[in-house]
């Protein structure tokens, strides 16, 4: 199955207080960073049909085989979830979950 044909039927939901398999994979600078990072990990795991444990926060998005339409889709879903406007080039400007999470947490904090 090609990623561009994948339809996400349910948006991942996360809770910062939830103890999960993500614990060892998340750099917890702040609660909002942890929540954003867990959301992105859940999203990618669902999209790629893999266990969240297989998603590494320091691996570049392109290593997971994401094409431009998947990147734009993820950016749009992040916009909807966070309620902030994001650039379509977001995943190219911040090419790993770790760098993207740091940026998004900063933007979200500035908005609030």
PDB file of N, CA and C in Angstrom:
ATOM      1  N   UNK A   1       0.845  -1.170   0.000  1.00  0.00           N
ATOM      2  CA  UNK A   1       0.000   0.000   0.000  1.00  0.00           C
ATOM      3  C   UNK A   1       0.892   1.235   0.000  1.00  0.00           C
ATOM      4  N   UNK A   2       0.606   2.166  -0.904  1.00  0.00           N
ATOM      5  CA  UNK A   2       1.365   3.407  -0.936  1.00  0.00           C
ATOM      6  C   UNK A   2       0.791   4.375   0.078  1.00  0.00           C
ATOM      7  N   UNK A   3       1.659   5.138   0.689  1.00  0.00           N
ATOM      8  CA  UNK A   3       1.231   6.081   1.718  1.00  0.00           C
ATOM      9  C   UNK A   3       0.257   7.102   1.163  1.00  0.00           C
ATOM     10  N   UNK A   4       0.472   7.553  -0.068  1.00  0.00           N
ATOM     11  CA  UNK A   4      -0.402   8.579  -0.622  1.00  0.00           C
ATOM     12  C   UNK A   4      -1.848   8.100  -0.742  1.00  0.00           C
ATOM     13  N   UNK A   5      -2.062   6.797  -0.804  1.00  0.00           N
ATOM     14  CA  UNK A   5      -3.409   6.246  -0.898  1.00  0.00           C
ATOM     15  C   UNK A   5      -4.033   5.956   0.461  1.00  0.00           C
ATOM     16  N   UNK A   6      -3.262   6.112   1.513  1.00  0.00           N
ATOM     17  CA  UNK A   6      -3.726   5.761   2.849  1.00  0.00           C
ATOM     18  C   UNK A   6      -4.721   6.788   3.364  1.00  0.00           C
ATOM     19  N   UNK A   7      -5.807   6.341   3.896  1.00  0.00           N
ATOM     20  CA  UNK A   7      -6.790   7.217   4.517  1.00  0.00           C
ATOM     21  C   UNK A   7      -6.760   6.987   6.022  1.00  0.00           C
ATOM     22  N   UNK A   8      -6.463   8.034   6.780  1.00  0.00           N
ATOM     23  CA  UNK A   8      -6.493   7.933   8.235  1.00  0.00           C
ATOM     24  C   UNK A   8      -7.953   8.045   8.647  1.00  0.00           C
ATOM     25  N   UNK A   9      -8.482   7.000   9.213  1.00  0.00           N
ATOM     26  CA  UNK A   9      -9.896   6.978   9.551  1.00  0.00           C
ATOM     27  C   UNK A   9     -10.181   7.553  10.924  1.00  0.00           C
ATOM     28  N   UNK A  10      -9.177   7.560  11.778  1.00  0.00           N
ATOM     29  CA  UNK A  10      -9.377   8.066  13.131  1.00  0.00           C
ATOM     30  C   UNK A  10      -8.129   8.816  13.541  1.00  0.00           C
ATOM     31  N   UNK A  11      -8.309  10.043  13.969  1.00  0.00           N
ATOM     32  CA  UNK A  11      -7.177  10.831  14.421  1.00  0.00           C
ATOM     33  C   UNK A  11      -6.670  10.241  15.731  1.00  0.00           C
ATOM     34  N   UNK A  12      -5.351  10.116  15.875  1.00  0.00           N
ATOM     35  CA  UNK A  12      -4.819   9.607  17.140  1.00  0.00           C
ATOM     36  C   UNK A  12      -5.148  10.555  18.281  1.00  0.00           C
ATOM     37  N   UNK A  13      -5.471  10.004  19.418  1.00  0.00           N
ATOM     38  CA  UNK A  13      -5.680  10.823  20.606  1.00  0.00           C
ATOM     39  C   UNK A  13      -4.681  10.376  21.648  1.00  0.00           C
ATOM     40  N   UNK A  14      -4.211  11.336  22.413  1.00  0.00           N
ATOM     41  CA  UNK A  14      -3.213  11.015  23.426  1.00  0.00           C
ATOM     42  C   UNK A  14      -3.526  11.750  24.706  1.00  0.00           C
ATOM     43  N   UNK A  15      -2.979  11.255  25.768  1.00  0.00           N
ATOM     44  CA  UNK A  15      -3.082  11.909  27.063  1.00  0.00           C
ATOM     45  C   UNK A  15      -1.693  11.976  27.662  1.00  0.00           C
ATOM     46  N   UNK A  16      -1.309  13.156  28.136  1.00  0.00           N
ATOM     47  CA  UNK A  16       0.010  13.321  28.734  1.00  0.00           C
ATOM     48  C   UNK A  16       0.157  12.436  29.959  1.00  0.00           C
ATOM     49  N   UNK A  17      -0.926  12.224  30.682  1.00  0.00           N
ATOM     50  CA  UNK A  17      -0.866  11.431  31.903  1.00  0.00           C
ATOM     51  C   UNK A  17      -0.903   9.931  31.646  1.00  0.00           C
ATOM     52  N   UNK A  18      -1.159   9.547  30.411  1.00  0.00           N
ATOM     53  CA  UNK A  18      -1.265   8.137  30.066  1.00  0.00           C
ATOM     54  C   UNK A  18       0.122   7.494  30.046  1.00  0.00           C
ATOM     55  N   UNK A  19       0.323   6.452  30.795  1.00  0.00           N
ATOM     56  CA  UNK A  19       1.570   5.697  30.751  1.00  0.00           C
ATOM     57  C   UNK A  19       1.475   4.783  29.539  1.00  0.00           C
ATOM     58  N   UNK A  20       2.438   4.882  28.644  1.00  0.00           N
ATOM     59  CA  UNK A  20       2.330   4.107  27.420  1.00  0.00           C
ATOM     60  C   UNK A  20       3.676   3.581  26.980  1.00  0.00           C
ATOM     61  N   UNK A  21       3.645   2.866  25.873  1.00  0.00           N
ATOM     62  CA  UNK A  21       4.868   2.321  25.293  1.00  0.00           C
ATOM     63  C   UNK A  21       5.766   3.418  24.751  1.00  0.00           C
ATOM     64  N   UNK A  22       5.257   4.626  24.636  1.00  0.00           N
ATOM     65  CA  UNK A  22       6.036   5.729  24.095  1.00  0.00           C
ATOM     66  C   UNK A  22       7.058   6.267  25.086  1.00  0.00           C
ATOM     67  N   UNK A  23       6.937   5.947  26.350  1.00  0.00           N
ATOM     68  CA  UNK A  23       7.759   6.571  27.386  1.00  0.00           C
ATOM     69  C   UNK A  23       9.238   6.614  27.055  1.00  0.00           C
ATOM     70  N   UNK A  24       9.813   5.517  26.616  1.00  0.00           N
ATOM     71  CA  UNK A  24      11.236   5.496  26.334  1.00  0.00           C
ATOM     72  C   UNK A  24      11.611   6.215  25.057  1.00  0.00           C
ATOM     73  N   UNK A  25      10.630   6.580  24.263  1.00  0.00           N
ATOM     74  CA  UNK A  25      10.875   7.175  22.960  1.00  0.00           C
ATOM     75  C   UNK A  25      10.658   8.684  22.967  1.00  0.00           C
ATOM     76  N   UNK A  26      10.239   9.253  24.093  1.00  0.00           N
ATOM     77  CA  UNK A  26       9.872  10.663  24.135  1.00  0.00           C
ATOM     78  C   UNK A  26      10.856  11.458  24.982  1.00  0.00           C
ATOM     79  N   UNK A  27      11.353  12.537  24.400  1.00  0.00           N
ATOM     80  CA  UNK A  27      12.197  13.482  25.120  1.00  0.00           C
ATOM     81  C   UNK A  27      11.243  14.477  25.773  1.00  0.00           C
ATOM     82  N   UNK A  28      11.039  14.379  27.069  1.00  0.00           N
ATOM     83  CA  UNK A  28      10.007  15.169  27.733  1.00  0.00           C
ATOM     84  C   UNK A  28      10.561  16.466  28.306  1.00  0.00           C
ATOM     85  N   UNK A  29      10.634  17.469  27.455  1.00  0.00           N
ATOM     86  CA  UNK A  29      11.045  18.795  27.892  1.00  0.00           C
ATOM     87  C   UNK A  29       9.898  19.484  28.623  1.00  0.00           C
ATOM     88  N   UNK A  30       8.701  19.318  28.120  1.00  0.00           N
ATOM     89  CA  UNK A  30       7.526  19.939  28.718  1.00  0.00           C
ATOM     90  C   UNK A  30       6.324  19.050  28.433  1.00  0.00           C
ATOM     91  N   UNK A  31       5.247  19.240  29.198  1.00  0.00           N
ATOM     92  CA  UNK A  31       4.052  18.424  28.941  1.00  0.00           C
ATOM     93  C   UNK A  31       3.506  18.605  27.527  1.00  0.00           C
ATOM     94  N   UNK A  32       3.529  19.833  27.005  1.00  0.00           N
ATOM     95  CA  UNK A  32       2.996  20.043  25.655  1.00  0.00           C
ATOM     96  C   UNK A  32       3.881  19.360  24.616  1.00  0.00           C
ATOM     97  N   UNK A  33       5.200  19.409  24.798  1.00  0.00           N
ATOM     98  CA  UNK A  33       6.094  18.703  23.874  1.00  0.00           C
ATOM     99  C   UNK A  33       5.817  17.204  23.903  1.00  0.00           C
ATOM    100  N   UNK A  34       5.656  16.661  25.081  1.00  0.00           N
ATOM    101  CA  UNK A  34       5.389  15.223  25.209  1.00  0.00           C
ATOM    102  C   UNK A  34       4.090  14.848  24.515  1.00  0.00           C
ATOM    103  N   UNK A  35       3.067  15.671  24.685  1.00  0.00           N
ATOM    104  CA  UNK A  35       1.778  15.370  24.070  1.00  0.00           C
ATOM    105  C   UNK A  35       1.855  15.464  22.551  1.00  0.00           C
ATOM    106  N   UNK A  36       2.512  16.504  22.051  1.00  0.00           N
ATOM    107  CA  UNK A  36       2.660  16.652  20.602  1.00  0.00           C
ATOM    108  C   UNK A  36       3.465  15.488  20.038  1.00  0.00           C
ATOM    109  N   UNK A  37       4.543  15.150  20.699  1.00  0.00           N
ATOM    110  CA  UNK A  37       5.399  14.067  20.220  1.00  0.00           C
ATOM    111  C   UNK A  37       4.653  12.740  20.209  1.00  0.00           C
ATOM    112  N   UNK A  38       3.905  12.472  21.230  1.00  0.00           N
ATOM    113  CA  UNK A  38       3.145  11.225  21.280  1.00  0.00           C
ATOM    114  C   UNK A  38       2.078  11.194  20.189  1.00  0.00           C
ATOM    115  N   UNK A  39       1.449  12.341  19.923  1.00  0.00           N
ATOM    116  CA  UNK A  39       0.439  12.420  18.865  1.00  0.00           C
ATOM    117  C   UNK A  39       1.068  12.093  17.517  1.00  0.00           C
ATOM    118  N   UNK A  40       2.225  12.700  17.232  1.00  0.00           N
ATOM    119  CA  UNK A  40       2.894  12.465  15.951  1.00  0.00           C
ATOM    120  C   UNK A  40       3.321  11.003  15.828  1.00  0.00           C
ATOM    121  N   UNK A  41       3.850  10.433  16.887  1.00  0.00           N
ATOM    122  CA  UNK A  41       4.237   9.016  16.873  1.00  0.00           C
ATOM    123  C   UNK A  41       3.017   8.140  16.594  1.00  0.00           C
ATOM    124  N   UNK A  42       1.911   8.409  17.259  1.00  0.00           N
ATOM    125  CA  UNK A  42       0.678   7.638  17.036  1.00  0.00           C
ATOM    126  C   UNK A  42       0.199   7.777  15.598  1.00  0.00           C
ATOM    127  N   UNK A  43       0.228   8.993  15.103  1.00  0.00           N
ATOM    128  CA  UNK A  43      -0.214   9.281  13.737  1.00  0.00           C
ATOM    129  C   UNK A  43       0.623   8.492  12.728  1.00  0.00           C
ATOM    130  N   UNK A  44       1.950   8.599  12.850  1.00  0.00           N
ATOM    131  CA  UNK A  44       2.827   7.886  11.913  1.00  0.00           C
ATOM    132  C   UNK A  44       2.684   6.373  12.037  1.00  0.00           C
ATOM    133  N   UNK A  45       2.596   5.875  13.249  1.00  0.00           N
ATOM    134  CA  UNK A  45       2.439   4.433  13.446  1.00  0.00           C
ATOM    135  C   UNK A  45       1.162   3.939  12.774  1.00  0.00           C
ATOM    136  N   UNK A  46       0.078   4.696  12.928  1.00  0.00           N
ATOM    137  CA  UNK A  46      -1.181   4.309  12.294  1.00  0.00           C
ATOM    138  C   UNK A  46      -1.052   4.394  10.775  1.00  0.00           C
ATOM    139  N   UNK A  47      -0.442   5.461  10.280  1.00  0.00           N
ATOM    140  CA  UNK A  47      -0.282   5.649   8.843  1.00  0.00           C
ATOM    141  C   UNK A  47       0.569   4.537   8.221  1.00  0.00           C
ATOM    142  N   UNK A  48       1.637   4.176   8.913  1.00  0.00           N
ATOM    143  CA  UNK A  48       2.575   3.182   8.388  1.00  0.00           C
ATOM    144  C   UNK A  48       2.220   1.748   8.770  1.00  0.00           C
ATOM    145  N   UNK A  49       1.183   1.610   9.607  1.00  0.00           N
ATOM    146  CA  UNK A  49       0.736   0.306  10.084  1.00  0.00           C
ATOM    147  C   UNK A  49       1.866  -0.449  10.781  1.00  0.00           C
ATOM    148  N   UNK A  50       2.505   0.259  11.731  1.00  0.00           N
ATOM    149  CA  UNK A  50       3.572  -0.325  12.545  1.00  0.00           C
ATOM    150  C   UNK A  50       3.282  -0.016  14.009  1.00  0.00           C
ATOM    151  N   UNK A  51       4.014  -0.670  14.875  1.00  0.00           N
ATOM    152  CA  UNK A  51       3.904  -0.388  16.305  1.00  0.00           C
ATOM    153  C   UNK A  51       4.531   0.976  16.594  1.00  0.00           C
ATOM    154  N   UNK A  52       3.959   1.738  17.515  1.00  0.00           N
ATOM    155  CA  UNK A  52       4.576   3.010  17.908  1.00  0.00           C
ATOM    156  C   UNK A  52       6.024   2.844  18.364  1.00  0.00           C
ATOM    157  N   UNK A  53       6.358   1.677  18.900  1.00  0.00           N
ATOM    158  CA  UNK A  53       7.734   1.411  19.330  1.00  0.00           C
ATOM    159  C   UNK A  53       8.725   1.420  18.164  1.00  0.00           C
ATOM    160  N   UNK A  54       8.219   1.251  16.948  1.00  0.00           N
ATOM    161  CA  UNK A  54       9.085   1.229  15.770  1.00  0.00           C
ATOM    162  C   UNK A  54       9.377   2.624  15.224  1.00  0.00           C
ATOM    163  N   UNK A  55       8.746   3.637  15.793  1.00  0.00           N
ATOM    164  CA  UNK A  55       8.951   5.017  15.352  1.00  0.00           C
ATOM    165  C   UNK A  55      10.031   5.645  16.225  1.00  0.00           C
ATOM    166  N   UNK A  56      11.079   6.135  15.581  1.00  0.00           N
ATOM    167  CA  UNK A  56      12.192   6.770  16.284  1.00  0.00           C
ATOM    168  C   UNK A  56      12.106   8.275  16.068  1.00  0.00           C
ATOM    169  N   UNK A  57      12.147   9.043  17.144  1.00  0.00           N
ATOM    170  CA  UNK A  57      11.949  10.495  17.059  1.00  0.00           C
ATOM    171  C   UNK A  57      13.103  11.222  16.383  1.00  0.00           C
ATOM    172  N   UNK A  58      14.245  10.568  16.219  1.00  0.00           N
ATOM    173  CA  UNK A  58      15.387  11.218  15.571  1.00  0.00           C
ATOM    174  C   UNK A  58      15.585  10.769  14.120  1.00  0.00           C
ATOM    175  N   UNK A  59      14.717   9.897  13.635  1.00  0.00           N
ATOM    176  CA  UNK A  59      14.777   9.447  12.244  1.00  0.00           C
ATOM    177  C   UNK A  59      14.043  10.448  11.363  1.00  0.00           C
ATOM    178  N   UNK A  60      14.648  10.807  10.246  1.00  0.00           N
ATOM    179  CA  UNK A  60      14.033  11.769   9.324  1.00  0.00           C
ATOM    180  C   UNK A  60      12.742  11.193   8.744  1.00  0.00           C
ATOM    181  N   UNK A  61      11.757  12.081   8.543  1.00  0.00           N
ATOM    182  CA  UNK A  61      10.470  11.650   7.999  1.00  0.00           C
ATOM    183  C   UNK A  61      10.641  10.928   6.664  1.00  0.00           C
ATOM    184  N   UNK A  62      11.549  11.396   5.825  1.00  0.00           N
ATOM    185  CA  UNK A  62      11.713  10.757   4.522  1.00  0.00           C
ATOM    186  C   UNK A  62      12.212   9.318   4.635  1.00  0.00           C
ATOM    187  N   UNK A  63      12.852   8.975   5.731  1.00  0.00           N
ATOM    188  CA  UNK A  63      13.291   7.591   5.949  1.00  0.00           C
ATOM    189  C   UNK A  63      12.096   6.656   6.159  1.00  0.00           C
ATOM    190  N   UNK A  64      10.956   7.210   6.547  1.00  0.00           N
ATOM    191  CA  UNK A  64       9.743   6.409   6.711  1.00  0.00           C
ATOM    192  C   UNK A  64       8.969   6.296   5.404  1.00  0.00           C
ATOM    193  N   UNK A  65       9.499   6.899   4.335  1.00  0.00           N
ATOM    194  CA  UNK A  65       8.859   6.799   3.031  1.00  0.00           C
ATOM    195  C   UNK A  65       7.708   7.763   2.823  1.00  0.00           C
ATOM    196  N   UNK A  66       7.638   8.811   3.620  1.00  0.00           N
ATOM    197  CA  UNK A  66       6.555   9.774   3.459  1.00  0.00           C
ATOM    198  C   UNK A  66       6.792  10.623   2.219  1.00  0.00           C
ATOM    199  N   UNK A  67       5.792  10.708   1.361  1.00  0.00           N
ATOM    200  CA  UNK A  67       5.903  11.564   0.191  1.00  0.00           C
ATOM    201  C   UNK A  67       5.313  12.936   0.506  1.00  0.00           C
ATOM    202  N   UNK A  68       5.316  13.826  -0.478  1.00  0.00           N
ATOM    203  CA  UNK A  68       4.869  15.198  -0.227  1.00  0.00           C
ATOM    204  C   UNK A  68       3.395  15.265   0.153  1.00  0.00           C
ATOM    205  N   UNK A  69       2.561  14.415  -0.428  1.00  0.00           N
ATOM    206  CA  UNK A  69       1.139  14.460  -0.073  1.00  0.00           C
ATOM    207  C   UNK A  69       0.916  13.984   1.363  1.00  0.00           C
ATOM    208  N   UNK A  70       1.695  13.009   1.815  1.00  0.00           N
ATOM    209  CA  UNK A  70       1.595  12.565   3.211  1.00  0.00           C
ATOM    210  C   UNK A  70       2.069  13.662   4.150  1.00  0.00           C
ATOM    211  N   UNK A  71       3.124  14.379   3.753  1.00  0.00           N
ATOM    212  CA  UNK A  71       3.644  15.480   4.573  1.00  0.00           C
ATOM    213  C   UNK A  71       2.614  16.594   4.697  1.00  0.00           C
ATOM    214  N   UNK A  72       1.974  16.931   3.594  1.00  0.00           N
ATOM    215  CA  UNK A  72       0.942  17.975   3.620  1.00  0.00           C
ATOM    216  C   UNK A  72      -0.256  17.508   4.445  1.00  0.00           C
ATOM    217  N   UNK A  73      -0.621  16.238   4.326  1.00  0.00           N
ATOM    218  CA  UNK A  73      -1.724  15.696   5.121  1.00  0.00           C
ATOM    219  C   UNK A  73      -1.441  15.749   6.609  1.00  0.00           C
ATOM    220  N   UNK A  74      -0.240  15.354   6.999  1.00  0.00           N
ATOM    221  CA  UNK A  74       0.147  15.413   8.408  1.00  0.00           C
ATOM    222  C   UNK A  74       0.135  16.850   8.902  1.00  0.00           C
ATOM    223  N   UNK A  75       0.652  17.764   8.101  1.00  0.00           N
ATOM    224  CA  UNK A  75       0.662  19.178   8.487  1.00  0.00           C
ATOM    225  C   UNK A  75      -0.757  19.694   8.679  1.00  0.00           C
ATOM    226  N   UNK A  76      -1.659  19.351   7.767  1.00  0.00           N
ATOM    227  CA  UNK A  76      -3.054  19.775   7.889  1.00  0.00           C
ATOM    228  C   UNK A  76      -3.726  19.205   9.122  1.00  0.00           C
ATOM    229  N   UNK A  77      -3.463  17.945   9.415  1.00  0.00           N
ATOM    230  CA  UNK A  77      -4.052  17.330  10.604  1.00  0.00           C
ATOM    231  C   UNK A  77      -3.481  17.935  11.884  1.00  0.00           C
ATOM    232  N   UNK A  78      -2.186  18.277  11.865  1.00  0.00           N
ATOM    233  CA  UNK A  78      -1.587  18.974  13.014  1.00  0.00           C
ATOM    234  C   UNK A  78      -2.223  20.349  13.203  1.00  0.00           C
ATOM    235  N   UNK A  79      -2.465  21.064  12.104  1.00  0.00           N
ATOM    236  CA  UNK A  79      -3.136  22.368  12.184  1.00  0.00           C
ATOM    237  C   UNK A  79      -4.496  22.237  12.855  1.00  0.00           C
ATOM    238  N   UNK A  80      -5.261  21.256  12.403  1.00  0.00           N
ATOM    239  CA  UNK A  80      -6.595  21.032  12.975  1.00  0.00           C
ATOM    240  C   UNK A  80      -6.507  20.686  14.454  1.00  0.00           C
ATOM    241  N   UNK A  81      -5.588  19.823  14.810  1.00  0.00           N
ATOM    242  CA  UNK A  81      -5.463  19.367  16.194  1.00  0.00           C
ATOM    243  C   UNK A  81      -4.974  20.473  17.117  1.00  0.00           C
ATOM    244  N   UNK A  82      -3.962  21.223  16.673  1.00  0.00           N
ATOM    245  CA  UNK A  82      -3.384  22.272  17.520  1.00  0.00           C
ATOM    246  C   UNK A  82      -4.125  23.602  17.426  1.00  0.00           C
ATOM    247  N   UNK A  83      -4.883  23.788  16.351  1.00  0.00           N
ATOM    248  CA  UNK A  83      -5.598  25.049  16.177  1.00  0.00           C
ATOM    249  C   UNK A  83      -4.684  26.209  15.821  1.00  0.00           C
ATOM    250  N   UNK A  84      -3.562  25.911  15.153  1.00  0.00           N
ATOM    251  CA  UNK A  84      -2.653  26.966  14.711  1.00  0.00           C
ATOM    252  C   UNK A  84      -2.330  26.759  13.235  1.00  0.00           C
ATOM    253  N   UNK A  85      -2.049  27.861  12.539  1.00  0.00           N
ATOM    254  CA  UNK A  85      -1.706  27.783  11.125  1.00  0.00           C
ATOM    255  C   UNK A  85      -0.245  27.359  10.972  1.00  0.00           C
ATOM    256  N   UNK A  86      -0.013  26.417  10.074  1.00  0.00           N
ATOM    257  CA  UNK A  86       1.334  25.891   9.851  1.00  0.00           C
ATOM    258  C   UNK A  86       1.683  25.962   8.367  1.00  0.00           C
ATOM    259  N   UNK A  87       2.952  26.117   8.074  1.00  0.00           N
ATOM    260  CA  UNK A  87       3.431  26.158   6.692  1.00  0.00           C
ATOM    261  C   UNK A  87       3.385  24.755   6.079  1.00  0.00           C
ATOM    262  N   UNK A  88       3.038  24.656   4.790  1.00  0.00           N
ATOM    263  CA  UNK A  88       3.008  23.341   4.148  1.00  0.00           C
ATOM    264  C   UNK A  88       4.381  22.664   4.083  1.00  0.00           C
ATOM    265  N   UNK A  89       5.449  23.447   4.202  1.00  0.00           N
ATOM    266  CA  UNK A  89       6.814  22.904   4.149  1.00  0.00           C
ATOM    267  C   UNK A  89       7.326  22.467   5.520  1.00  0.00           C
ATOM    268  N   UNK A  90       6.455  22.437   6.488  1.00  0.00           N
ATOM    269  CA  UNK A  90       6.823  22.180   7.879  1.00  0.00           C
ATOM    270  C   UNK A  90       7.725  20.957   8.061  1.00  0.00           C
ATOM    271  N   UNK A  91       7.370  19.850   7.440  1.00  0.00           N
ATOM    272  CA  UNK A  91       8.131  18.613   7.647  1.00  0.00           C
ATOM    273  C   UNK A  91       9.478  18.626   6.929  1.00  0.00           C
ATOM    274  N   UNK A  92       9.648  19.546   6.007  1.00  0.00           N
ATOM    275  CA  UNK A  92      10.952  19.692   5.353  1.00  0.00           C
ATOM    276  C   UNK A  92      11.837  20.634   6.161  1.00  0.00           C
ATOM    277  N   UNK A  93      11.209  21.612   6.793  1.00  0.00           N
ATOM    278  CA  UNK A  93      11.945  22.551   7.642  1.00  0.00           C
ATOM    279  C   UNK A  93      12.367  21.902   8.963  1.00  0.00           C
ATOM    280  N   UNK A  94      11.560  20.986   9.450  1.00  0.00           N
ATOM    281  CA  UNK A  94      11.814  20.268  10.715  1.00  0.00           C
ATOM    282  C   UNK A  94      11.696  18.773  10.402  1.00  0.00           C
ATOM    283  N   UNK A  95      12.783  18.152   9.930  1.00  0.00           N
ATOM    284  CA  UNK A  95      12.705  16.827   9.310  1.00  0.00           C
ATOM    285  C   UNK A  95      12.611  15.619  10.234  1.00  0.00           C
ATOM    286  N   UNK A  96      12.576  15.823  11.553  1.00  0.00           N
ATOM    287  CA  UNK A  96      12.405  14.686  12.465  1.00  0.00           C
ATOM    288  C   UNK A  96      11.274  14.996  13.441  1.00  0.00           C
ATOM    289  N   UNK A  97      10.762  13.975  14.074  1.00  0.00           N
ATOM    290  CA  UNK A  97       9.725  14.181  15.085  1.00  0.00           C
ATOM    291  C   UNK A  97      10.264  15.068  16.200  1.00  0.00           C
ATOM    292  N   UNK A  98      11.498  14.843  16.589  1.00  0.00           N
ATOM    293  CA  UNK A  98      12.089  15.616  17.678  1.00  0.00           C
ATOM    294  C   UNK A  98      12.159  17.109  17.350  1.00  0.00           C
ATOM    295  N   UNK A  99      12.680  17.458  16.170  1.00  0.00           N
ATOM    296  CA  UNK A  99      12.791  18.881  15.821  1.00  0.00           C
ATOM    297  C   UNK A  99      11.425  19.499  15.560  1.00  0.00           C
ATOM    298  N   UNK A 100      10.530  18.746  14.949  1.00  0.00           N
ATOM    299  CA  UNK A 100       9.180  19.244  14.693  1.00  0.00           C
ATOM    300  C   UNK A 100       8.439  19.490  16.000  1.00  0.00           C
ATOM    301  N   UNK A 101       8.574  18.581  16.939  1.00  0.00           N
ATOM    302  CA  UNK A 101       7.923  18.722  18.240  1.00  0.00           C
ATOM    303  C   UNK A 101       8.397  19.969  18.971  1.00  0.00           C
ATOM    304  N   UNK A 102       9.693  20.198  18.979  1.00  0.00           N
ATOM    305  CA  UNK A 102      10.237  21.387  19.645  1.00  0.00           C
ATOM    306  C   UNK A 102       9.656  22.657  19.035  1.00  0.00           C
ATOM    307  N   UNK A 103       9.624  22.721  17.709  1.00  0.00           N
ATOM    308  CA  UNK A 103       9.072  23.888  17.019  1.00  0.00           C
ATOM    309  C   UNK A 103       7.585  24.062  17.326  1.00  0.00           C
ATOM    310  N   UNK A 104       6.814  22.991  17.208  1.00  0.00           N
ATOM    311  CA  UNK A 104       5.369  23.087  17.429  1.00  0.00           C
ATOM    312  C   UNK A 104       5.038  23.479  18.864  1.00  0.00           C
ATOM    313  N   UNK A 105       5.761  22.943  19.822  1.00  0.00           N
ATOM    314  CA  UNK A 105       5.521  23.301  21.226  1.00  0.00           C
ATOM    315  C   UNK A 105       5.775  24.787  21.440  1.00  0.00           C
ATOM    316  N   UNK A 106       6.826  25.304  20.816  1.00  0.00           N
ATOM    317  CA  UNK A 106       7.127  26.733  20.928  1.00  0.00           C
ATOM    318  C   UNK A 106       6.020  27.577  20.294  1.00  0.00           C
ATOM    319  N   UNK A 107       5.562  27.187  19.103  1.00  0.00           N
ATOM    320  CA  UNK A 107       4.502  27.928  18.418  1.00  0.00           C
ATOM    321  C   UNK A 107       3.194  27.868  19.197  1.00  0.00           C
ATOM    322  N   UNK A 108       2.872  26.701  19.720  1.00  0.00           N
ATOM    323  CA  UNK A 108       1.639  26.538  20.477  1.00  0.00           C
ATOM    324  C   UNK A 108       1.677  27.384  21.743  1.00  0.00           C
ATOM    325  N   UNK A 109       2.825  27.410  22.413  1.00  0.00           N
ATOM    326  CA  UNK A 109       2.985  28.202  23.632  1.00  0.00           C
ATOM    327  C   UNK A 109       2.859  29.690  23.329  1.00  0.00           C
ATOM    328  N   UNK A 110       3.416  30.140  22.205  1.00  0.00           N
ATOM    329  CA  UNK A 110       3.307  31.547  21.813  1.00  0.00           C
ATOM    330  C   UNK A 110       1.861  31.930  21.516  1.00  0.00           C
ATOM    331  N   UNK A 111       1.089  30.991  20.965  1.00  0.00           N
ATOM    332  CA  UNK A 111      -0.317  31.245  20.639  1.00  0.00           C
ATOM    333  C   UNK A 111      -1.153  31.406  21.901  1.00  0.00           C
ATOM    334  N   UNK A 112      -0.862  30.601  22.905  1.00  0.00           N
ATOM    335  CA  UNK A 112      -1.632  30.601  24.148  1.00  0.00           C
ATOM    336  C   UNK A 112      -1.160  31.727  24.993  1.00  0.00           C
TER     337      UNK A 112
END
